[in-house]
Amino acid sequence: MVGAQSPSACNRLPFEFHIFDEPEMVKKVSSIPMGTKGFSQNFSAIVVVVGKLRAYFSERDRHVIYIDAALASMSFMFALETLGLSSCPINWPDIEECEKKMTSVLVDLEPDERVIMLISVGYPAPDGMVPYSQKKELDLLRRYN
């Protein structure tokens, strides 16, 4: 998988991709995070990206799973495009109720594993369009010295 070729601190790859492509499971998993109403019925598959804290022994490294999993997810999403698939990153809310629901679906989730994000996957509508979203000017995003 292309995600395994992404940069990772100490090359530890502290993440896993849980892929759901059975329609009922896609529907169930897609209903857990916030922000999927109104378009989740279009998902052919849903991916739950899970970080593994056990990859790091020090508390100072507890955020590395988020960085490494995000880098791998970006590579994964670019690879999907080369296959004619579209994807959408879905924010994972750090809300206890959502965590409990996802844990009930990911029954093999270990205590040190954290959901990082979800990624919806599907074929784009041939006549579909991407809504315009104003981006910040480059000068607002970079600083020198």
Protein backbone atom coordinates (compact mmCIF):
# COMPACT_ATOMS: atom_id res chain seq x y z
CA MET A 1 0.00 0.00 0.00
CA VAL A 2 1.19 3.47 -0.86
CA GLY A 3 0.52 4.70 2.70
CA ALA A 4 3.34 2.47 3.92
CA GLN A 5 5.74 4.43 1.70
CA SER A 6 4.88 7.74 3.39
CA PRO A 7 7.30 9.46 5.76
CA SER A 8 6.99 8.17 9.30
CA ALA A 9 8.96 9.06 12.44
CA CYS A 10 11.60 6.35 12.88
CA ASN A 11 9.77 4.47 10.10
CA ARG A 12 7.46 2.99 12.73
CA LEU A 13 4.25 3.33 10.68
CA PRO A 14 2.07 3.64 13.80
CA PHE A 15 -1.26 3.29 11.99
CA GLU A 16 -3.69 0.90 10.41
CA PHE A 17 -6.39 1.37 7.78
CA HIS A 18 -9.67 -0.40 8.60
CA ILE A 19 -11.59 -0.63 5.31
CA PHE A 20 -15.32 -1.24 5.18
CA ASP A 21 -16.91 -1.93 1.80
CA GLU A 22 -19.97 -3.99 2.72
CA PRO A 23 -22.95 -1.61 2.28
CA GLU A 24 -24.49 -2.12 5.73
CA MET A 25 -21.14 -1.65 7.48
CA VAL A 26 -20.36 1.41 5.35
CA LYS A 27 -23.68 2.90 6.43
CA LYS A 28 -23.10 2.00 10.10
CA VAL A 29 -19.53 3.36 10.27
CA SER A 30 -20.40 6.47 8.23
CA SER A 31 -23.13 7.41 10.67
CA ILE A 32 -20.76 7.68 13.64
CA PRO A 33 -18.68 10.80 12.89
CA MET A 34 -20.34 14.18 12.61
CA GLY A 35 -20.55 15.92 9.26
CA THR A 36 -21.50 13.02 6.99
CA LYS A 37 -25.25 13.62 6.78
CA GLY A 38 -26.49 14.44 3.32
CA PHE A 39 -23.72 12.71 1.40
CA SER A 40 -22.78 9.47 3.18
CA GLN A 41 -25.22 7.50 1.00
CA ASN A 42 -22.70 8.07 -1.83
CA PHE A 43 -19.86 6.22 -0.09
CA SER A 44 -18.83 2.96 -1.75
CA ALA A 45 -16.40 2.38 1.10
CA ILE A 46 -15.31 4.03 4.32
CA VAL A 47 -11.84 3.81 5.84
CA VAL A 48 -11.14 4.28 9.53
CA VAL A 49 -7.54 5.34 10.10
CA VAL A 50 -6.33 4.14 13.50
CA GLY A 51 -3.13 5.25 15.26
CA LYS A 52 -1.19 3.00 17.62
CA LEU A 53 0.34 4.72 20.63
CA ARG A 54 2.40 1.60 21.45
CA ALA A 55 4.77 2.56 18.65
CA TYR A 56 6.29 5.20 20.95
CA PHE A 57 7.50 4.79 24.50
CA SER A 58 7.70 8.45 25.46
CA GLU A 59 4.81 10.74 26.33
CA ARG A 60 6.45 13.46 24.24
CA ASP A 61 5.72 11.38 21.13
CA ARG A 62 2.00 10.92 21.76
CA HIS A 63 1.08 13.22 18.85
CA VAL A 64 3.28 11.45 16.30
CA ILE A 65 0.52 8.97 15.45
CA TYR A 66 -1.60 11.87 14.18
CA ILE A 67 1.18 13.27 12.01
CA ASP A 68 2.25 9.93 10.57
CA ALA A 69 -1.31 8.72 9.96
CA ALA A 70 -2.20 12.01 8.26
CA LEU A 71 0.81 11.75 5.93
CA ALA A 72 -0.10 8.16 5.04
CA SER A 73 -3.74 9.14 4.53
CA MET A 74 -2.78 11.89 2.12
CA SER A 75 -0.66 9.48 0.07
CA PHE A 76 -3.51 6.96 0.14
CA MET A 77 -5.97 9.58 -1.11
CA PHE A 78 -3.64 10.62 -3.95
CA ALA A 79 -3.30 6.95 -4.95
CA LEU A 80 -7.08 6.57 -5.03
CA GLU A 81 -7.24 9.38 -7.60
CA THR A 82 -4.90 7.46 -9.91
CA LEU A 83 -7.44 4.61 -9.83
CA GLY A 84 -10.33 6.90 -10.77
CA LEU A 85 -11.70 6.98 -7.24
CA SER A 86 -12.55 10.05 -5.22
CA SER A 87 -12.18 10.43 -1.50
CA CYS A 88 -13.06 12.82 1.26
CA PRO A 89 -11.29 13.14 4.61
CA ILE A 90 -13.77 13.10 7.45
CA ASN A 91 -12.91 14.75 10.73
CA TRP A 92 -13.02 12.49 13.75
CA PRO A 93 -14.58 14.28 16.74
CA ASP A 94 -12.88 13.63 20.05
CA ILE A 95 -16.19 13.03 21.77
CA GLU A 96 -16.66 10.17 24.21
CA GLU A 97 -20.03 9.11 22.79
CA CYS A 98 -18.54 8.80 19.28
CA GLU A 99 -15.52 6.95 20.65
CA LYS A 100 -17.81 4.40 22.34
CA LYS A 101 -19.84 3.86 19.16
CA MET A 102 -16.72 3.37 17.04
CA THR A 103 -15.23 0.99 19.63
CA SER A 104 -18.38 -1.11 19.37
CA VAL A 105 -17.81 -1.38 15.60
CA LEU A 106 -14.04 -1.84 15.74
CA VAL A 107 -14.28 -4.65 18.25
CA ASP A 108 -10.58 -5.43 18.02
CA LEU A 109 -9.50 -1.88 18.93
CA GLU A 110 -6.84 -2.01 21.64
CA PRO A 111 -6.81 0.47 24.57
CA ASP A 112 -3.78 2.29 23.14
CA GLU A 113 -5.31 2.73 19.68
CA ARG A 114 -6.97 5.97 18.61
CA VAL A 115 -9.17 6.78 15.65
CA ILE A 116 -7.37 9.51 13.70
CA MET A 117 -9.81 10.20 10.90
CA LEU A 118 -12.11 8.58 8.40
CA ILE A 119 -11.86 8.64 4.62
CA SER A 120 -14.85 8.09 2.36
CA VAL A 121 -14.18 6.45 -0.98
CA GLY A 122 -16.29 6.22 -4.09
CA TYR A 123 -16.51 6.82 -7.80
CA PRO A 124 -17.22 10.43 -8.71
CA ALA A 125 -20.35 11.30 -10.66
CA PRO A 126 -19.28 11.85 -14.28
CA ASP A 127 -21.09 15.19 -14.38
CA GLY A 128 -20.38 16.09 -10.77
CA MET A 129 -18.63 19.29 -9.91
CA VAL A 130 -16.41 20.32 -7.04
CA PRO A 131 -17.86 23.23 -5.05
CA TYR A 132 -15.69 26.32 -4.95
CA SER A 133 -14.02 27.07 -1.65
CA GLN A 134 -11.99 30.24 -1.25
CA LYS A 135 -8.46 29.50 -0.12
CA LYS A 136 -6.27 31.82 1.90
CA GLU A 137 -3.75 33.91 0.03
CA LEU A 138 -0.22 32.51 0.06
CA ASP A 139 1.07 35.52 2.00
CA LEU A 140 -1.25 34.58 4.87
CA LEU A 141 0.12 31.04 4.98
CA ARG A 142 3.86 31.61 4.92
CA ARG A 143 6.42 33.65 6.77
CA TYR A 144 10.12 34.01 6.25
CA ASN A 145 12.64 34.47 9.05
